[in-house]
Amino acid sequence: MEGTTAWTLRKAPAIKRLLLRLGERFGADTLALDTRPTEHQAIHLALWDQPALAAYVHTYGQPADRFGLHLEFPATDGQPLPPEEVYEELTAEQLLEALAIHFELPGNGGE
């Protein structure tokens, strides 16, 4: 999220609050954020050095204060892309935990 302030993005308030929590928990520049303003209720996150390991977070069709999450994985040598893992109706805390595990970030419950 390097150089980006959550409140300057054209995103839904729930997404902006989530970005603030991501920065507080993992550090503001830990994950790369796709800042294209095409999706008001979604963000795409990835590791800076491994962009194929990514996560799509959204609020489309979710109850208030809940998130949908699609985890994306890189292809391995000669193998097709693995399917995405999809989760729905996650609380912010459940989402942060899933992202910590997916990206192997400190604070993933196992550290």
PDB file of N, CA and C in Angstrom:
ATOM      1  N   MET A   1       0.827  -1.177   0.000  1.00  0.00           N
ATOM      2  CA  MET A   1       0.000   0.000   0.000  1.00  0.00           C
ATOM      3  C   MET A   1       0.873   1.243   0.000  1.00  0.00           C
ATOM      4  N   GLU A   2       2.039   1.082  -0.471  1.00  0.00           N
ATOM      5  CA  GLU A   2       3.068   2.106  -0.464  1.00  0.00           C
ATOM      6  C   GLU A   2       2.565   3.432  -1.036  1.00  0.00           C
ATOM      7  N   GLY A   3       2.719   4.493  -0.250  1.00  0.00           N
ATOM      8  CA  GLY A   3       2.402   5.824  -0.715  1.00  0.00           C
ATOM      9  C   GLY A   3       0.918   6.123  -0.862  1.00  0.00           C
ATOM     10  N   THR A   4       0.063   5.228  -0.427  1.00  0.00           N
ATOM     11  CA  THR A   4      -1.370   5.418  -0.586  1.00  0.00           C
ATOM     12  C   THR A   4      -2.011   5.623   0.775  1.00  0.00           C
ATOM     13  N   THR A   5      -2.894   6.604   0.865  1.00  0.00           N
ATOM     14  CA  THR A   5      -3.661   6.840   2.075  1.00  0.00           C
ATOM     15  C   THR A   5      -5.059   6.293   1.846  1.00  0.00           C
ATOM     16  N   ALA A   6      -5.547   5.476   2.768  1.00  0.00           N
ATOM     17  CA  ALA A   6      -6.855   4.836   2.602  1.00  0.00           C
ATOM     18  C   ALA A   6      -7.954   5.845   2.300  1.00  0.00           C
ATOM     19  N   TRP A   7      -7.916   7.004   2.959  1.00  0.00           N
ATOM     20  CA  TRP A   7      -9.013   7.954   2.807  1.00  0.00           C
ATOM     21  C   TRP A   7      -8.987   8.683   1.479  1.00  0.00           C
ATOM     22  N   THR A   8      -7.891   8.630   0.728  1.00  0.00           N
ATOM     23  CA  THR A   8      -7.841   9.290  -0.574  1.00  0.00           C
ATOM     24  C   THR A   8      -8.362   8.399  -1.693  1.00  0.00           C
ATOM     25  N   LEU A   9      -8.547   7.116  -1.416  1.00  0.00           N
ATOM     26  CA  LEU A   9      -9.029   6.187  -2.435  1.00  0.00           C
ATOM     27  C   LEU A   9     -10.541   6.304  -2.599  1.00  0.00           C
ATOM     28  N   ARG A  10     -11.020   6.055  -3.794  1.00  0.00           N
ATOM     29  CA  ARG A  10     -12.462   6.042  -4.053  1.00  0.00           C
ATOM     30  C   ARG A  10     -12.976   4.634  -3.769  1.00  0.00           C
ATOM     31  N   LYS A  11     -13.094   4.356  -2.500  1.00  0.00           N
ATOM     32  CA  LYS A  11     -13.538   3.041  -2.031  1.00  0.00           C
ATOM     33  C   LYS A  11     -14.636   3.221  -0.998  1.00  0.00           C
ATOM     34  N   ALA A  12     -15.434   2.173  -0.818  1.00  0.00           N
ATOM     35  CA  ALA A  12     -16.490   2.178   0.188  1.00  0.00           C
ATOM     36  C   ALA A  12     -15.872   2.348   1.573  1.00  0.00           C
ATOM     37  N   PRO A  13     -16.583   2.964   2.512  1.00  0.00           N
ATOM     38  CA  PRO A  13     -16.042   3.162   3.860  1.00  0.00           C
ATOM     39  C   PRO A  13     -15.553   1.869   4.523  1.00  0.00           C
ATOM     40  N   ALA A  14     -16.245   0.762   4.335  1.00  0.00           N
ATOM     41  CA  ALA A  14     -15.814  -0.505   4.945  1.00  0.00           C
ATOM     42  C   ALA A  14     -14.451  -0.932   4.406  1.00  0.00           C
ATOM     43  N   ILE A  15     -14.207  -0.716   3.122  1.00  0.00           N
ATOM     44  CA  ILE A  15     -12.913  -1.052   2.521  1.00  0.00           C
ATOM     45  C   ILE A  15     -11.832  -0.117   3.058  1.00  0.00           C
ATOM     46  N   LYS A  16     -12.143   1.162   3.197  1.00  0.00           N
ATOM     47  CA  LYS A  16     -11.169   2.109   3.748  1.00  0.00           C
ATOM     48  C   LYS A  16     -10.798   1.746   5.183  1.00  0.00           C
ATOM     49  N   ARG A  17     -11.801   1.388   5.990  1.00  0.00           N
ATOM     50  CA  ARG A  17     -11.509   0.983   7.373  1.00  0.00           C
ATOM     51  C   ARG A  17     -10.648  -0.276   7.395  1.00  0.00           C
ATOM     52  N   LEU A  18     -10.932  -1.191   6.490  1.00  0.00           N
ATOM     53  CA  LEU A  18     -10.134  -2.416   6.412  1.00  0.00           C
ATOM     54  C   LEU A  18      -8.679  -2.087   6.052  1.00  0.00           C
ATOM     55  N   LEU A  19      -8.473  -1.182   5.116  1.00  0.00           N
ATOM     56  CA  LEU A  19      -7.107  -0.797   4.740  1.00  0.00           C
ATOM     57  C   LEU A  19      -6.350  -0.206   5.929  1.00  0.00           C
ATOM     58  N   LEU A  20      -7.040   0.586   6.732  1.00  0.00           N
ATOM     59  CA  LEU A  20      -6.397   1.134   7.934  1.00  0.00           C
ATOM     60  C   LEU A  20      -5.996   0.007   8.890  1.00  0.00           C
ATOM     61  N   ARG A  21      -6.877  -0.957   9.077  1.00  0.00           N
ATOM     62  CA  ARG A  21      -6.563  -2.086   9.968  1.00  0.00           C
ATOM     63  C   ARG A  21      -5.419  -2.927   9.408  1.00  0.00           C
ATOM     64  N   LEU A  22      -5.388  -3.115   8.088  1.00  0.00           N
ATOM     65  CA  LEU A  22      -4.275  -3.842   7.463  1.00  0.00           C
ATOM     66  C   LEU A  22      -2.956  -3.147   7.757  1.00  0.00           C
ATOM     67  N   GLY A  23      -2.935  -1.824   7.585  1.00  0.00           N
ATOM     68  CA  GLY A  23      -1.722  -1.057   7.845  1.00  0.00           C
ATOM     69  C   GLY A  23      -1.295  -1.129   9.293  1.00  0.00           C
ATOM     70  N   GLU A  24      -2.251  -1.063  10.209  1.00  0.00           N
ATOM     71  CA  GLU A  24      -1.936  -1.142  11.637  1.00  0.00           C
ATOM     72  C   GLU A  24      -1.388  -2.515  12.011  1.00  0.00           C
ATOM     73  N   ARG A  25      -1.952  -3.557  11.456  1.00  0.00           N
ATOM     74  CA  ARG A  25      -1.558  -4.917  11.843  1.00  0.00           C
ATOM     75  C   ARG A  25      -0.274  -5.388  11.173  1.00  0.00           C
ATOM     76  N   PHE A  26      -0.123  -5.090   9.875  1.00  0.00           N
ATOM     77  CA  PHE A  26       1.000  -5.650   9.129  1.00  0.00           C
ATOM     78  C   PHE A  26       2.017  -4.614   8.656  1.00  0.00           C
ATOM     79  N   GLY A  27       1.705  -3.342   8.775  1.00  0.00           N
ATOM     80  CA  GLY A  27       2.574  -2.287   8.257  1.00  0.00           C
ATOM     81  C   GLY A  27       2.015  -1.768   6.943  1.00  0.00           C
ATOM     82  N   ALA A  28       2.056  -0.475   6.771  1.00  0.00           N
ATOM     83  CA  ALA A  28       1.419   0.176   5.624  1.00  0.00           C
ATOM     84  C   ALA A  28       1.987  -0.259   4.277  1.00  0.00           C
ATOM     85  N   ASP A  29       3.243  -0.648   4.221  1.00  0.00           N
ATOM     86  CA  ASP A  29       3.875  -0.981   2.944  1.00  0.00           C
ATOM     87  C   ASP A  29       4.146  -2.468   2.776  1.00  0.00           C
ATOM     88  N   THR A  30       3.497  -3.308   3.563  1.00  0.00           N
ATOM     89  CA  THR A  30       3.737  -4.751   3.494  1.00  0.00           C
ATOM     90  C   THR A  30       3.160  -5.368   2.231  1.00  0.00           C
ATOM     91  N   LEU A  31       1.962  -4.947   1.835  1.00  0.00           N
ATOM     92  CA  LEU A  31       1.290  -5.522   0.675  1.00  0.00           C
ATOM     93  C   LEU A  31       1.126  -4.483  -0.425  1.00  0.00           C
ATOM     94  N   ALA A  32       1.201  -4.962  -1.659  1.00  0.00           N
ATOM     95  CA  ALA A  32       0.940  -4.102  -2.808  1.00  0.00           C
ATOM     96  C   ALA A  32      -0.570  -4.011  -2.986  1.00  0.00           C
ATOM     97  N   LEU A  33      -1.068  -2.825  -3.215  1.00  0.00           N
ATOM     98  CA  LEU A  33      -2.490  -2.567  -3.388  1.00  0.00           C
ATOM     99  C   LEU A  33      -2.745  -2.056  -4.791  1.00  0.00           C
ATOM    100  N   ASP A  34      -3.636  -2.736  -5.498  1.00  0.00           N
ATOM    101  CA  ASP A  34      -4.047  -2.260  -6.812  1.00  0.00           C
ATOM    102  C   ASP A  34      -5.017  -1.109  -6.561  1.00  0.00           C
ATOM    103  N   THR A  35      -4.632   0.094  -6.911  1.00  0.00           N
ATOM    104  CA  THR A  35      -5.430   1.288  -6.580  1.00  0.00           C
ATOM    105  C   THR A  35      -6.335   1.742  -7.726  1.00  0.00           C
ATOM    106  N   ARG A  36      -6.474   0.938  -8.766  1.00  0.00           N
ATOM    107  CA  ARG A  36      -7.388   1.350  -9.843  1.00  0.00           C
ATOM    108  C   ARG A  36      -8.786   1.547  -9.255  1.00  0.00           C
ATOM    109  N   PRO A  37      -9.410   2.653  -9.538  1.00  0.00           N
ATOM    110  CA  PRO A  37     -10.688   2.985  -8.895  1.00  0.00           C
ATOM    111  C   PRO A  37     -11.908   2.326  -9.522  1.00  0.00           C
ATOM    112  N   THR A  38     -11.733   1.267 -10.284  1.00  0.00           N
ATOM    113  CA  THR A  38     -12.866   0.683 -11.001  1.00  0.00           C
ATOM    114  C   THR A  38     -13.853  -0.041 -10.093  1.00  0.00           C
ATOM    115  N   GLU A  39     -13.414  -0.512  -8.959  1.00  0.00           N
ATOM    116  CA  GLU A  39     -14.301  -1.243  -8.071  1.00  0.00           C
ATOM    117  C   GLU A  39     -14.394  -0.530  -6.724  1.00  0.00           C
ATOM    118  N   HIS A  40     -15.521   0.073  -6.486  1.00  0.00           N
ATOM    119  CA  HIS A  40     -15.757   0.852  -5.275  1.00  0.00           C
ATOM    120  C   HIS A  40     -15.765  -0.020  -4.018  1.00  0.00           C
ATOM    121  N   GLN A  41     -16.202  -1.267  -4.150  1.00  0.00           N
ATOM    122  CA  GLN A  41     -16.378  -2.140  -2.997  1.00  0.00           C
ATOM    123  C   GLN A  41     -15.362  -3.278  -2.955  1.00  0.00           C
ATOM    124  N   ALA A  42     -14.203  -3.090  -3.571  1.00  0.00           N
ATOM    125  CA  ALA A  42     -13.230  -4.185  -3.604  1.00  0.00           C
ATOM    126  C   ALA A  42     -11.803  -3.655  -3.700  1.00  0.00           C
ATOM    127  N   ILE A  43     -10.875  -4.497  -3.264  1.00  0.00           N
ATOM    128  CA  ILE A  43      -9.448  -4.228  -3.422  1.00  0.00           C
ATOM    129  C   ILE A  43      -8.748  -5.523  -3.812  1.00  0.00           C
ATOM    130  N   HIS A  44      -7.617  -5.377  -4.440  1.00  0.00           N
ATOM    131  CA  HIS A  44      -6.786  -6.516  -4.823  1.00  0.00           C
ATOM    132  C   HIS A  44      -5.429  -6.303  -4.162  1.00  0.00           C
ATOM    133  N   LEU A  45      -4.997  -7.278  -3.364  1.00  0.00           N
ATOM    134  CA  LEU A  45      -3.737  -7.198  -2.629  1.00  0.00           C
ATOM    135  C   LEU A  45      -2.792  -8.291  -3.108  1.00  0.00           C
ATOM    136  N   ALA A  46      -1.499  -8.032  -3.040  1.00  0.00           N
ATOM    137  CA  ALA A  46      -0.493  -9.027  -3.418  1.00  0.00           C
ATOM    138  C   ALA A  46       0.800  -8.729  -2.676  1.00  0.00           C
ATOM    139  N   LEU A  47       1.691  -9.696  -2.712  1.00  0.00           N
ATOM    140  CA  LEU A  47       3.031  -9.464  -2.198  1.00  0.00           C
ATOM    141  C   LEU A  47       3.813  -8.687  -3.247  1.00  0.00           C
ATOM    142  N   TRP A  48       4.642  -7.759  -2.817  1.00  0.00           N
ATOM    143  CA  TRP A  48       5.431  -6.949  -3.746  1.00  0.00           C
ATOM    144  C   TRP A  48       6.313  -7.820  -4.631  1.00  0.00           C
ATOM    145  N   ASP A  49       6.937  -8.833  -4.047  1.00  0.00           N
ATOM    146  CA  ASP A  49       7.891  -9.650  -4.799  1.00  0.00           C
ATOM    147  C   ASP A  49       7.277 -10.928  -5.367  1.00  0.00           C
ATOM    148  N   GLN A  50       5.987 -11.138  -5.154  1.00  0.00           N
ATOM    149  CA  GLN A  50       5.321 -12.334  -5.667  1.00  0.00           C
ATOM    150  C   GLN A  50       3.866 -11.971  -6.016  1.00  0.00           C
ATOM    151  N   PRO A  51       3.662 -11.204  -7.085  1.00  0.00           N
ATOM    152  CA  PRO A  51       2.331 -10.689  -7.388  1.00  0.00           C
ATOM    153  C   PRO A  51       1.287 -11.759  -7.714  1.00  0.00           C
ATOM    154  N   ALA A  52       1.703 -12.963  -8.069  1.00  0.00           N
ATOM    155  CA  ALA A  52       0.734 -14.025  -8.368  1.00  0.00           C
ATOM    156  C   ALA A  52       0.098 -14.593  -7.103  1.00  0.00           C
ATOM    157  N   LEU A  53       0.727 -14.370  -5.954  1.00  0.00           N
ATOM    158  CA  LEU A  53       0.130 -14.753  -4.673  1.00  0.00           C
ATOM    159  C   LEU A  53      -0.663 -13.543  -4.226  1.00  0.00           C
ATOM    160  N   ALA A  54      -1.985 -13.610  -4.390  1.00  0.00           N
ATOM    161  CA  ALA A  54      -2.799 -12.411  -4.238  1.00  0.00           C
ATOM    162  C   ALA A  54      -4.100 -12.714  -3.509  1.00  0.00           C
ATOM    163  N   ALA A  55      -4.813 -11.644  -3.213  1.00  0.00           N
ATOM    164  CA  ALA A  55      -6.115 -11.758  -2.558  1.00  0.00           C
ATOM    165  C   ALA A  55      -7.031 -10.656  -3.076  1.00  0.00           C
ATOM    166  N   TYR A  56      -8.242 -11.028  -3.378  1.00  0.00           N
ATOM    167  CA  TYR A  56      -9.287 -10.101  -3.796  1.00  0.00           C
ATOM    168  C   TYR A  56     -10.281 -10.019  -2.649  1.00  0.00           C
ATOM    169  N   VAL A  57     -10.463  -8.834  -2.107  1.00  0.00           N
ATOM    170  CA  VAL A  57     -11.343  -8.611  -0.957  1.00  0.00           C
ATOM    171  C   VAL A  57     -12.490  -7.717  -1.422  1.00  0.00           C
ATOM    172  N   HIS A  58     -13.722  -8.090  -1.059  1.00  0.00           N
ATOM    173  CA  HIS A  58     -14.866  -7.309  -1.507  1.00  0.00           C
ATOM    174  C   HIS A  58     -15.976  -7.296  -0.460  1.00  0.00           C
ATOM    175  N   THR A  59     -16.923  -6.378  -0.675  1.00  0.00           N
ATOM    176  CA  THR A  59     -18.114  -6.320   0.174  1.00  0.00           C
ATOM    177  C   THR A  59     -19.383  -6.586  -0.632  1.00  0.00           C
ATOM    178  N   TYR A  60     -19.261  -6.926  -1.914  1.00  0.00           N
ATOM    179  CA  TYR A  60     -20.423  -7.202  -2.758  1.00  0.00           C
ATOM    180  C   TYR A  60     -21.258  -8.336  -2.174  1.00  0.00           C
ATOM    181  N   GLY A  61     -22.543  -8.103  -1.956  1.00  0.00           N
ATOM    182  CA  GLY A  61     -23.453  -9.138  -1.491  1.00  0.00           C
ATOM    183  C   GLY A  61     -23.211  -9.628  -0.075  1.00  0.00           C
ATOM    184  N   GLN A  62     -22.404  -8.908   0.681  1.00  0.00           N
ATOM    185  CA  GLN A  62     -22.076  -9.326   2.040  1.00  0.00           C
ATOM    186  C   GLN A  62     -22.938  -8.554   3.043  1.00  0.00           C
ATOM    187  N   PRO A  63     -23.254  -9.181   4.183  1.00  0.00           N
ATOM    188  CA  PRO A  63     -23.945  -8.428   5.240  1.00  0.00           C
ATOM    189  C   PRO A  63     -23.052  -7.270   5.724  1.00  0.00           C
ATOM    190  N   ALA A  64     -23.641  -6.337   6.427  1.00  0.00           N
ATOM    191  CA  ALA A  64     -22.878  -5.202   6.962  1.00  0.00           C
ATOM    192  C   ALA A  64     -21.695  -5.702   7.784  1.00  0.00           C
ATOM    193  N   ASP A  65     -20.558  -5.047   7.627  1.00  0.00           N
ATOM    194  CA  ASP A  65     -19.326  -5.359   8.365  1.00  0.00           C
ATOM    195  C   ASP A  65     -18.806  -6.762   8.092  1.00  0.00           C
ATOM    196  N   ARG A  66     -19.088  -7.303   6.919  1.00  0.00           N
ATOM    197  CA  ARG A  66     -18.563  -8.615   6.513  1.00  0.00           C
ATOM    198  C   ARG A  66     -17.906  -8.483   5.146  1.00  0.00           C
ATOM    199  N   PHE A  67     -17.007  -9.412   4.867  1.00  0.00           N
ATOM    200  CA  PHE A  67     -16.220  -9.350   3.640  1.00  0.00           C
ATOM    201  C   PHE A  67     -16.203 -10.696   2.932  1.00  0.00           C
ATOM    202  N   GLY A  68     -16.058 -10.628   1.615  1.00  0.00           N
ATOM    203  CA  GLY A  68     -15.775 -11.802   0.809  1.00  0.00           C
ATOM    204  C   GLY A  68     -14.293 -11.806   0.495  1.00  0.00           C
ATOM    205  N   LEU A  69     -13.713 -12.994   0.338  1.00  0.00           N
ATOM    206  CA  LEU A  69     -12.275 -13.115   0.103  1.00  0.00           C
ATOM    207  C   LEU A  69     -12.016 -14.204  -0.920  1.00  0.00           C
ATOM    208  N   HIS A  70     -11.237 -13.874  -1.944  1.00  0.00           N
ATOM    209  CA  HIS A  70     -10.794 -14.844  -2.939  1.00  0.00           C
ATOM    210  C   HIS A  70      -9.272 -14.888  -2.862  1.00  0.00           C
ATOM    211  N   LEU A  71      -8.728 -16.026  -2.476  1.00  0.00           N
ATOM    212  CA  LEU A  71      -7.274 -16.182  -2.384  1.00  0.00           C
ATOM    213  C   LEU A  71      -6.764 -16.755  -3.700  1.00  0.00           C
ATOM    214  N   GLU A  72      -5.745 -16.119  -4.255  1.00  0.00           N
ATOM    215  CA  GLU A  72      -5.175 -16.521  -5.537  1.00  0.00           C
ATOM    216  C   GLU A  72      -3.767 -17.050  -5.310  1.00  0.00           C
ATOM    217  N   PHE A  73      -3.429 -18.108  -6.059  1.00  0.00           N
ATOM    218  CA  PHE A  73      -2.144 -18.769  -5.892  1.00  0.00           C
ATOM    219  C   PHE A  73      -1.380 -18.783  -7.209  1.00  0.00           C
ATOM    220  N   PRO A  74      -0.051 -18.740  -7.144  1.00  0.00           N
ATOM    221  CA  PRO A  74       0.734 -18.796  -8.379  1.00  0.00           C
ATOM    222  C   PRO A  74       0.732 -20.209  -8.959  1.00  0.00           C
ATOM    223  N   ALA A  75       0.928 -20.281 -10.263  1.00  0.00           N
ATOM    224  CA  ALA A  75       1.077 -21.575 -10.922  1.00  0.00           C
ATOM    225  C   ALA A  75       2.431 -22.157 -10.548  1.00  0.00           C
ATOM    226  N   THR A  76       2.508 -23.461 -10.516  1.00  0.00           N
ATOM    227  CA  THR A  76       3.795 -24.116 -10.308  1.00  0.00           C
ATOM    228  C   THR A  76       4.299 -24.616 -11.651  1.00  0.00           C
ATOM    229  N   ASP A  77       5.570 -24.916 -11.745  1.00  0.00           N
ATOM    230  CA  ASP A  77       6.195 -25.298 -13.007  1.00  0.00           C
ATOM    231  C   ASP A  77       5.384 -26.342 -13.764  1.00  0.00           C
ATOM    232  N   GLY A  78       4.929 -25.956 -14.961  1.00  0.00           N
ATOM    233  CA  GLY A  78       4.232 -26.875 -15.832  1.00  0.00           C
ATOM    234  C   GLY A  78       2.829 -27.262 -15.399  1.00  0.00           C
ATOM    235  N   GLN A  79       2.332 -26.685 -14.343  1.00  0.00           N
ATOM    236  CA  GLN A  79       1.005 -27.031 -13.842  1.00  0.00           C
ATOM    237  C   GLN A  79       0.033 -25.885 -14.121  1.00  0.00           C
ATOM    238  N   PRO A  80      -1.243 -26.218 -14.290  1.00  0.00           N
ATOM    239  CA  PRO A  80      -2.223 -25.146 -14.472  1.00  0.00           C
ATOM    240  C   PRO A  80      -2.397 -24.354 -13.177  1.00  0.00           C
ATOM    241  N   LEU A  81      -2.981 -23.188 -13.304  1.00  0.00           N
ATOM    242  CA  LEU A  81      -3.248 -22.381 -12.110  1.00  0.00           C
ATOM    243  C   LEU A  81      -4.152 -23.142 -11.151  1.00  0.00           C
ATOM    244  N   PRO A  82      -3.813 -23.152  -9.879  1.00  0.00           N
ATOM    245  CA  PRO A  82      -4.705 -23.793  -8.913  1.00  0.00           C
ATOM    246  C   PRO A  82      -5.982 -22.969  -8.760  1.00  0.00           C
ATOM    247  N   PRO A  83      -7.071 -23.601  -8.370  1.00  0.00           N
ATOM    248  CA  PRO A  83      -8.310 -22.827  -8.191  1.00  0.00           C
ATOM    249  C   PRO A  83      -8.187 -21.858  -7.026  1.00  0.00           C
ATOM    250  N   GLU A  84      -8.966 -20.792  -7.096  1.00  0.00           N
ATOM    251  CA  GLU A  84      -9.011 -19.835  -5.996  1.00  0.00           C
ATOM    252  C   GLU A  84      -9.726 -20.463  -4.804  1.00  0.00           C
ATOM    253  N   GLU A  85      -9.348 -20.027  -3.621  1.00  0.00           N
ATOM    254  CA  GLU A  85     -10.108 -20.361  -2.427  1.00  0.00           C
ATOM    255  C   GLU A  85     -11.032 -19.189  -2.172  1.00  0.00           C
ATOM    256  N   VAL A  86     -12.304 -19.455  -1.951  1.00  0.00           N
ATOM    257  CA  VAL A  86     -13.302 -18.403  -1.793  1.00  0.00           C
ATOM    258  C   VAL A  86     -13.954 -18.520  -0.422  1.00  0.00           C
ATOM    259  N   TYR A  87     -14.041 -17.385   0.258  1.00  0.00           N
ATOM    260  CA  TYR A  87     -14.668 -17.314   1.575  1.00  0.00           C
ATOM    261  C   TYR A  87     -15.675 -16.160   1.560  1.00  0.00           C
ATOM    262  N   GLU A  88     -16.768 -16.319   2.261  1.00  0.00           N
ATOM    263  CA  GLU A  88     -17.810 -15.301   2.321  1.00  0.00           C
ATOM    264  C   GLU A  88     -18.155 -14.985   3.778  1.00  0.00           C
ATOM    265  N   GLU A  89     -18.699 -13.801   3.987  1.00  0.00           N
ATOM    266  CA  GLU A  89     -19.213 -13.348   5.277  1.00  0.00           C
ATOM    267  C   GLU A  89     -18.177 -13.410   6.409  1.00  0.00           C
ATOM    268  N   LEU A  90     -16.937 -13.025   6.100  1.00  0.00           N
ATOM    269  CA  LEU A  90     -15.882 -12.974   7.108  1.00  0.00           C
ATOM    270  C   LEU A  90     -15.956 -11.662   7.881  1.00  0.00           C
ATOM    271  N   THR A  91     -15.718 -11.728   9.177  1.00  0.00           N
ATOM    272  CA  THR A  91     -15.547 -10.495   9.945  1.00  0.00           C
ATOM    273  C   THR A  91     -14.193  -9.905   9.567  1.00  0.00           C
ATOM    274  N   ALA A  92     -13.963  -8.662   9.946  1.00  0.00           N
ATOM    275  CA  ALA A  92     -12.667  -8.042   9.658  1.00  0.00           C
ATOM    276  C   ALA A  92     -11.537  -8.831  10.310  1.00  0.00           C
ATOM    277  N   GLU A  93     -11.747  -9.305  11.524  1.00  0.00           N
ATOM    278  CA  GLU A  93     -10.701 -10.064  12.211  1.00  0.00           C
ATOM    279  C   GLU A  93     -10.435 -11.402  11.518  1.00  0.00           C
ATOM    280  N   GLN A  94     -11.484 -12.090  11.094  1.00  0.00           N
ATOM    281  CA  GLN A  94     -11.302 -13.350  10.361  1.00  0.00           C
ATOM    282  C   GLN A  94     -10.572 -13.098   9.043  1.00  0.00           C
ATOM    283  N   LEU A  95     -10.904 -12.004   8.393  1.00  0.00           N
ATOM    284  CA  LEU A  95     -10.254 -11.658   7.132  1.00  0.00           C
ATOM    285  C   LEU A  95      -8.774 -11.368   7.342  1.00  0.00           C
ATOM    286  N   LEU A  96      -8.446 -10.580   8.356  1.00  0.00           N
ATOM    287  CA  LEU A  96      -7.045 -10.275   8.645  1.00  0.00           C
ATOM    288  C   LEU A  96      -6.257 -11.548   8.955  1.00  0.00           C
ATOM    289  N   GLU A  97      -6.855 -12.444   9.690  1.00  0.00           N
ATOM    290  CA  GLU A  97      -6.189 -13.713  10.012  1.00  0.00           C
ATOM    291  C   GLU A  97      -5.954 -14.536   8.745  1.00  0.00           C
ATOM    292  N   ALA A  98      -6.954 -14.616   7.875  1.00  0.00           N
ATOM    293  CA  ALA A  98      -6.809 -15.359   6.621  1.00  0.00           C
ATOM    294  C   ALA A  98      -5.716 -14.745   5.742  1.00  0.00           C
ATOM    295  N   LEU A  99      -5.652 -13.416   5.677  1.00  0.00           N
ATOM    296  CA  LEU A  99      -4.608 -12.756   4.893  1.00  0.00           C
ATOM    297  C   LEU A  99      -3.225 -13.007   5.491  1.00  0.00           C
ATOM    298  N   ALA A 100      -3.125 -12.988   6.810  1.00  0.00           N
ATOM    299  CA  ALA A 100      -1.838 -13.242   7.469  1.00  0.00           C
ATOM    300  C   ALA A 100      -1.333 -14.640   7.126  1.00  0.00           C
ATOM    301  N   ILE A 101      -2.221 -15.608   7.135  1.00  0.00           N
ATOM    302  CA  ILE A 101      -1.834 -16.988   6.809  1.00  0.00           C
ATOM    303  C   ILE A 101      -1.492 -17.104   5.328  1.00  0.00           C
ATOM    304  N   HIS A 102      -2.334 -16.554   4.475  1.00  0.00           N
ATOM    305  CA  HIS A 102      -2.132 -16.643   3.028  1.00  0.00           C
ATOM    306  C   HIS A 102      -0.792 -16.033   2.605  1.00  0.00           C
ATOM    307  N   PHE A 103      -0.478 -14.862   3.136  1.00  0.00           N
ATOM    308  CA  PHE A 103       0.752 -14.171   2.761  1.00  0.00           C
ATOM    309  C   PHE A 103       1.923 -14.485   3.697  1.00  0.00           C
ATOM    310  N   GLU A 104       1.686 -15.368   4.681  1.00  0.00           N
ATOM    311  CA  GLU A 104       2.715 -15.744   5.658  1.00  0.00           C
ATOM    312  C   GLU A 104       3.302 -14.505   6.339  1.00  0.00           C
ATOM    313  N   LEU A 105       2.416 -13.687   6.870  1.00  0.00           N
ATOM    314  CA  LEU A 105       2.809 -12.453   7.554  1.00  0.00           C
ATOM    315  C   LEU A 105       2.890 -12.685   9.051  1.00  0.00           C
ATOM    316  N   PRO A 106       3.707 -11.932   9.751  1.00  0.00           N
ATOM    317  CA  PRO A 106       3.733 -12.032  11.215  1.00  0.00           C
ATOM    318  C   PRO A 106       2.352 -11.737  11.799  1.00  0.00           C
ATOM    319  N   GLY A 107       2.053 -12.389  12.876  1.00  0.00           N
ATOM    320  CA  GLY A 107       0.771 -12.165  13.539  1.00  0.00           C
ATOM    321  C   GLY A 107      -0.323 -13.041  12.979  1.00  0.00           C
ATOM    322  N   ASN A 108       0.048 -14.201  12.403  1.00  0.00           N
ATOM    323  CA  ASN A 108      -0.977 -15.060  11.834  1.00  0.00           C
ATOM    324  C   ASN A 108      -1.479 -16.120  12.803  1.00  0.00           C
ATOM    325  N   GLY A 109      -1.316 -15.883  14.087  1.00  0.00           N
ATOM    326  CA  GLY A 109      -1.821 -16.828  15.077  1.00  0.00           C
ATOM    327  C   GLY A 109      -0.823 -17.928  15.397  1.00  0.00           C
ATOM    328  N   GLY A 110       0.081 -18.210  14.474  1.00  0.00           N
ATOM    329  CA  GLY A 110       1.075 -19.250  14.702  1.00  0.00           C
ATOM    330  C   GLY A 110       2.399 -18.686  15.146  1.00  0.00           C
ATOM    331  N   GLU A 111       2.452 -17.386  15.315  1.00  0.00           N
ATOM    332  CA  GLU A 111       3.720 -16.749  15.706  1.00  0.00           C
ATOM    333  C   GLU A 111       3.567 -16.002  16.999  1.00  0.00           C
TER     334      GLU A 111
END
